[in-house]
Amino acid sequence: MDNNEKTARKTLTKREVAVCQHICENAEKFFGRSEPEKTIMALRKIPEEYPEIADVHSLMGVSYAMMDRVDDARIYFEMAAEAEPDGWHHWISLASLNLESVDLLNAKKCMDKVNEVGYPSEVKDQVDELRWQITEIIELILDGKPYLDVDTYLALEERLYAGVACMKERDWSRAIQEFEYVVSVDSRSEEAYECIGLVHLFKGEIDEAEKFFNKALEINPEYPPAVANLRILDGIRGELAENSEYMKGLEDRIMGARF
């Protein structure tokens, strides 16, 4: 908490700062013993109305990451970066987490932010290594897509994310537009074809959904989302015939698991 004490004092009284400091010290002891669950439980004693203490969020994020709870870790790393946007270490944490999730677009954006806010010379090797890892994975992906360059690949990833955002808003027509743009440039994007299939599925167009899931599998026969979606189609047909509300619950389950 030391790096953020001045920020914390803007809204906390001295007593509140002392209490938070004590809680953090206890949490760090648990963390030092590799006890992430106890670390989280200790830090939760700090009231939510003190969101400006960035290092608390960061330690929560690291603890969740140690437990392989990636989504929770991302939430807290993002809160840390929001509380202290010029804290290079928060962006490094987010970049590492995104790299682990193979979210290369956001990993690269986080590294761009690291460059923007600056970082101490003693961590240059760490920054360079992380940047190299991101670049290497992108290059490996592009080895199978020689018709794309890095900038085009990242632009298509942006369109995929936009399509997913439209899906979450149940804006099916906009989602389809985004995914169709992706396949118009990258005809071997199994993810875009699978997402098109999902949109048709959520619209109750089962045969169309099946066609696009199969298209994704023609590109990558082991693409897990398409394999999983195909397995449930027959059951979906039966449920839809008997229960018109079934699709809404299915959307929530698939969207939660997939995105």
Protein backbone atom coordinates (compact mmCIF):
# COMPACT_ATOMS: atom_id res chain seq x y z
CA MET A 1 0.00 0.00 0.00
CA ASP A 2 2.96 2.34 0.42
CA ASN A 3 2.97 3.44 -3.23
CA ASN A 4 -0.63 4.61 -2.95
CA GLU A 5 -0.70 6.02 0.58
CA LYS A 6 -0.75 9.61 -0.61
CA THR A 7 -3.68 8.86 -2.92
CA ALA A 8 -5.49 7.02 -0.13
CA ARG A 9 -5.07 9.96 2.28
CA LYS A 10 -7.07 12.19 -0.03
CA THR A 11 -10.26 10.39 0.99
CA LEU A 12 -9.33 8.37 4.08
CA THR A 13 -8.68 9.67 7.57
CA LYS A 14 -5.37 8.83 9.24
CA ARG A 15 -7.12 6.20 11.33
CA GLU A 16 -8.65 4.62 8.23
CA VAL A 17 -5.27 4.59 6.52
CA ALA A 18 -3.73 2.91 9.57
CA VAL A 19 -6.47 0.27 9.66
CA CYS A 20 -6.09 -0.45 5.94
CA GLN A 21 -2.30 -0.63 6.34
CA HIS A 22 -2.69 -3.16 9.15
CA ILE A 23 -5.05 -5.28 7.07
CA CYS A 24 -2.65 -5.18 4.13
CA GLU A 25 0.27 -6.25 6.31
CA ASN A 26 -1.70 -9.27 7.53
CA ALA A 27 -2.75 -10.10 3.97
CA GLU A 28 0.85 -9.90 2.77
CA LYS A 29 1.86 -12.43 5.41
CA PHE A 30 -0.70 -14.88 4.02
CA PHE A 31 0.46 -14.09 0.51
CA GLY A 32 4.08 -14.69 1.48
CA ARG A 33 3.06 -18.16 2.69
CA SER A 34 1.33 -18.85 -0.66
CA GLU A 35 -2.14 -18.78 0.91
CA PRO A 36 -4.15 -16.82 -1.68
CA GLU A 37 -7.58 -17.65 -0.21
CA LYS A 38 -6.61 -16.22 3.18
CA THR A 39 -5.04 -13.22 1.45
CA ILE A 40 -8.32 -12.48 -0.29
CA MET A 41 -10.35 -12.96 2.89
CA ALA A 42 -8.10 -10.54 4.75
CA LEU A 43 -8.24 -7.87 2.04
CA ARG A 44 -12.02 -8.10 1.84
CA LYS A 45 -12.10 -6.46 5.26
CA ILE A 46 -11.13 -3.21 3.56
CA PRO A 47 -14.43 -1.46 2.75
CA GLU A 48 -15.43 -1.15 -0.89
CA GLU A 49 -15.77 2.60 -0.50
CA TYR A 50 -11.99 2.89 -0.62
CA PRO A 51 -11.45 2.01 -4.30
CA GLU A 52 -8.44 4.30 -4.68
CA ILE A 53 -6.04 1.90 -2.92
CA ALA A 54 -4.71 0.34 -6.10
CA ASP A 55 -2.27 -2.09 -4.50
CA VAL A 56 -5.11 -3.79 -2.63
CA HIS A 57 -6.81 -4.57 -5.93
CA SER A 58 -3.50 -5.68 -7.39
CA LEU A 59 -2.81 -8.12 -4.55
CA MET A 60 -6.36 -9.45 -4.86
CA GLY A 61 -5.74 -9.96 -8.57
CA VAL A 62 -2.49 -11.83 -8.01
CA SER A 63 -4.17 -14.02 -5.39
CA TYR A 64 -7.02 -14.93 -7.74
CA ALA A 65 -4.49 -15.63 -10.50
CA MET A 66 -2.68 -18.04 -8.16
CA MET A 67 -5.99 -19.88 -7.79
CA ASP A 68 -6.47 -19.97 -11.60
CA ARG A 69 -9.55 -17.76 -11.28
CA VAL A 70 -8.64 -15.74 -14.33
CA ASP A 71 -11.87 -13.73 -14.67
CA ASP A 72 -11.73 -12.60 -11.04
CA ALA A 73 -8.04 -11.76 -11.38
CA ARG A 74 -8.77 -9.64 -14.45
CA ILE A 75 -11.48 -7.70 -12.61
CA TYR A 76 -9.10 -6.71 -9.82
CA PHE A 77 -6.16 -5.94 -12.08
CA GLU A 78 -8.46 -3.66 -14.09
CA MET A 79 -9.61 -1.98 -10.86
CA ALA A 80 -5.97 -1.44 -9.88
CA ALA A 81 -5.17 0.09 -13.27
CA GLU A 82 -8.24 2.32 -13.04
CA ALA A 83 -7.27 3.49 -9.54
CA GLU A 84 -3.65 4.10 -10.56
CA PRO A 85 -3.54 4.47 -14.37
CA ASP A 86 0.13 5.46 -14.35
CA GLY A 87 1.12 2.33 -12.41
CA TRP A 88 3.12 0.34 -14.93
CA HIS A 89 3.00 -2.81 -12.76
CA HIS A 90 -0.80 -3.00 -13.02
CA TRP A 91 -0.61 -2.96 -16.80
CA ILE A 92 2.13 -5.61 -16.71
CA SER A 93 -0.16 -7.82 -14.62
CA LEU A 94 -3.01 -7.34 -17.07
CA ALA A 95 -0.73 -8.01 -20.04
CA SER A 96 0.52 -11.24 -18.46
CA LEU A 97 -3.01 -12.39 -17.67
CA ASN A 98 -4.22 -11.61 -21.19
CA LEU A 99 -1.25 -13.43 -22.65
CA GLU A 100 -2.06 -16.47 -20.52
CA SER A 101 -5.63 -16.33 -21.87
CA VAL A 102 -4.26 -15.89 -25.42
CA ASP A 103 -6.07 -12.55 -25.57
CA LEU A 104 -3.27 -11.12 -27.68
CA LEU A 105 -5.02 -7.93 -28.72
CA ASN A 106 -5.54 -6.78 -25.14
CA ALA A 107 -2.13 -8.09 -24.09
CA LYS A 108 -0.55 -5.85 -26.70
CA LYS A 109 -2.73 -2.90 -25.68
CA CYS A 110 -1.57 -3.31 -22.09
CA MET A 111 2.07 -3.38 -23.20
CA ASP A 112 1.46 -0.22 -25.22
CA LYS A 113 0.14 1.32 -22.01
CA VAL A 114 3.31 0.22 -20.17
CA ASN A 115 5.35 2.08 -22.76
CA GLU A 116 3.09 5.11 -22.45
CA VAL A 117 3.29 5.44 -18.66
CA GLY A 118 6.95 4.40 -18.46
CA TYR A 119 8.67 1.85 -16.23
CA PRO A 120 11.91 1.64 -14.21
CA SER A 121 15.05 0.43 -15.93
CA GLU A 122 15.42 -2.53 -13.58
CA VAL A 123 12.32 -4.21 -15.05
CA LYS A 124 13.31 -3.68 -18.68
CA ASP A 125 14.19 -7.33 -19.13
CA GLN A 126 10.79 -8.38 -17.80
CA VAL A 127 9.00 -5.93 -20.10
CA ASP A 128 11.06 -7.02 -23.12
CA GLU A 129 10.43 -10.70 -22.38
CA LEU A 130 6.68 -10.20 -22.12
CA ARG A 131 6.59 -8.17 -25.31
CA TRP A 132 8.64 -10.85 -27.07
CA GLN A 133 6.26 -13.59 -25.91
CA ILE A 134 3.26 -11.71 -27.28
CA THR A 135 5.02 -11.12 -30.59
CA GLU A 136 6.13 -14.75 -30.83
CA ILE A 137 2.60 -16.12 -30.34
CA ILE A 138 1.17 -13.71 -32.91
CA GLU A 139 3.86 -14.79 -35.37
CA LEU A 140 3.07 -18.46 -34.72
CA ILE A 141 -0.59 -17.80 -35.45
CA LEU A 142 0.29 -15.91 -38.61
CA ASP A 143 2.46 -18.78 -39.81
CA GLY A 144 -0.83 -20.50 -40.60
CA LYS A 145 -2.28 -17.32 -42.08
CA PRO A 146 0.42 -16.02 -44.44
CA TYR A 147 -2.12 -13.78 -46.14
CA LEU A 148 -2.40 -11.62 -42.99
CA ASP A 149 0.08 -9.17 -41.49
CA VAL A 150 0.23 -8.29 -37.81
CA ASP A 151 -1.78 -5.08 -38.09
CA THR A 152 -4.55 -6.77 -40.09
CA TYR A 153 -4.67 -9.66 -37.64
CA LEU A 154 -5.04 -7.30 -34.68
CA ALA A 155 -7.69 -5.27 -36.53
CA LEU A 156 -9.69 -8.46 -37.14
CA GLU A 157 -9.37 -9.36 -33.46
CA GLU A 158 -10.86 -5.95 -32.68
CA ARG A 159 -13.81 -6.72 -34.97
CA LEU A 160 -14.29 -10.10 -33.30
CA TYR A 161 -14.44 -8.45 -29.89
CA ALA A 162 -16.91 -5.90 -31.26
CA GLY A 163 -19.08 -8.74 -32.55
CA VAL A 164 -19.01 -10.46 -29.18
CA ALA A 165 -20.00 -7.18 -27.49
CA CYS A 166 -22.96 -6.94 -29.88
CA MET A 167 -23.93 -10.51 -29.03
CA LYS A 168 -23.95 -9.68 -25.34
CA GLU A 169 -26.34 -6.84 -26.16
CA ARG A 170 -28.49 -9.27 -28.21
CA ASP A 171 -27.85 -7.10 -31.27
CA TRP A 172 -27.73 -10.06 -33.64
CA SER A 173 -27.62 -8.14 -36.92
CA ARG A 174 -24.63 -6.01 -35.85
CA ALA A 175 -22.88 -9.09 -34.49
CA ILE A 176 -23.32 -10.92 -37.78
CA GLN A 177 -21.94 -7.90 -39.65
CA GLU A 178 -18.78 -7.89 -37.54
CA PHE A 179 -18.19 -11.63 -37.87
CA GLU A 180 -18.93 -11.65 -41.59
CA TYR A 181 -16.41 -8.85 -42.07
CA VAL A 182 -13.80 -10.99 -40.33
CA VAL A 183 -14.39 -14.00 -42.58
CA SER A 184 -14.42 -11.74 -45.64
CA VAL A 185 -10.78 -10.90 -44.84
CA ASP A 186 -9.76 -14.14 -43.11
CA SER A 187 -11.67 -17.02 -44.65
CA ARG A 188 -9.97 -19.41 -42.22
CA SER A 189 -11.17 -17.82 -38.98
CA GLU A 190 -12.78 -20.72 -37.17
CA GLU A 191 -13.70 -18.40 -34.30
CA ALA A 192 -15.67 -16.05 -36.55
CA TYR A 193 -17.55 -18.93 -38.18
CA GLU A 194 -18.34 -20.42 -34.79
CA CYS A 195 -19.61 -17.04 -33.58
CA ILE A 196 -21.83 -16.72 -36.64
CA GLY A 197 -23.17 -20.14 -35.74
CA LEU A 198 -23.87 -18.95 -32.20
CA VAL A 199 -25.87 -15.97 -33.48
CA HIS A 200 -28.01 -18.29 -35.62
CA LEU A 201 -28.40 -20.61 -32.64
CA PHE A 202 -29.60 -17.80 -30.40
CA LYS A 203 -32.06 -16.77 -33.09
CA GLY A 204 -33.45 -20.31 -33.10
CA GLU A 205 -32.04 -21.05 -36.56
CA ILE A 206 -30.65 -24.45 -35.68
CA ASP A 207 -29.85 -25.70 -39.19
CA GLU A 208 -27.91 -22.52 -40.00
CA ALA A 209 -26.08 -22.77 -36.69
CA GLU A 210 -25.08 -26.34 -37.49
CA LYS A 211 -23.77 -25.29 -40.89
CA PHE A 212 -21.44 -22.67 -39.43
CA PHE A 213 -20.24 -24.88 -36.58
CA ASN A 214 -19.31 -27.46 -39.21
CA LYS A 215 -17.57 -24.74 -41.22
CA ALA A 216 -15.43 -23.92 -38.18
CA LEU A 217 -14.56 -27.60 -37.82
CA GLU A 218 -13.58 -27.86 -41.47
CA ILE A 219 -10.87 -25.31 -40.66
CA ASN A 220 -9.94 -26.75 -37.27
CA PRO A 221 -11.44 -30.21 -36.57
CA GLU A 222 -10.55 -29.91 -32.89
CA TYR A 223 -11.86 -26.38 -32.27
CA PRO A 224 -13.43 -26.93 -28.80
CA PRO A 225 -16.32 -24.40 -28.89
CA ALA A 226 -17.64 -25.71 -32.21
CA VAL A 227 -17.29 -29.33 -31.07
CA ALA A 228 -19.19 -28.58 -27.85
CA ASN A 229 -21.93 -26.64 -29.63
CA LEU A 230 -22.55 -29.37 -32.19
CA ARG A 231 -22.96 -31.91 -29.42
CA ILE A 232 -25.91 -30.08 -27.90
CA LEU A 233 -27.82 -29.23 -31.09
CA ASP A 234 -30.05 -32.31 -31.18
CA GLY A 235 -31.12 -31.76 -27.60
CA ILE A 236 -31.79 -28.10 -28.35
CA ARG A 237 -34.15 -28.99 -31.20
CA GLY A 238 -36.27 -31.05 -28.84
CA GLU A 239 -36.29 -28.47 -26.07
CA LEU A 240 -37.24 -25.62 -28.41
CA ALA A 241 -40.19 -27.59 -29.71
CA GLU A 242 -41.52 -27.98 -26.17
CA ASN A 243 -40.40 -24.80 -24.41
CA SER A 244 -40.23 -21.40 -26.10
CA GLU A 245 -38.36 -19.93 -23.09
CA TYR A 246 -35.58 -22.48 -23.33
CA MET A 247 -33.43 -20.37 -25.66
CA LYS A 248 -33.11 -17.45 -23.24
CA GLY A 249 -31.60 -19.65 -20.56
CA LEU A 250 -29.36 -21.30 -23.13
CA GLU A 251 -28.04 -17.91 -24.29
CA ASP A 252 -27.05 -17.01 -20.74
CA ARG A 253 -25.30 -20.32 -20.14
CA ILE A 254 -23.35 -20.36 -23.40
CA MET A 255 -22.42 -16.69 -23.27
CA GLY A 256 -21.22 -17.05 -19.68
CA ALA A 257 -19.12 -20.10 -20.50
CA ARG A 258 -17.86 -18.93 -23.89
CA PHE A 259 -17.11 -15.25 -23.24
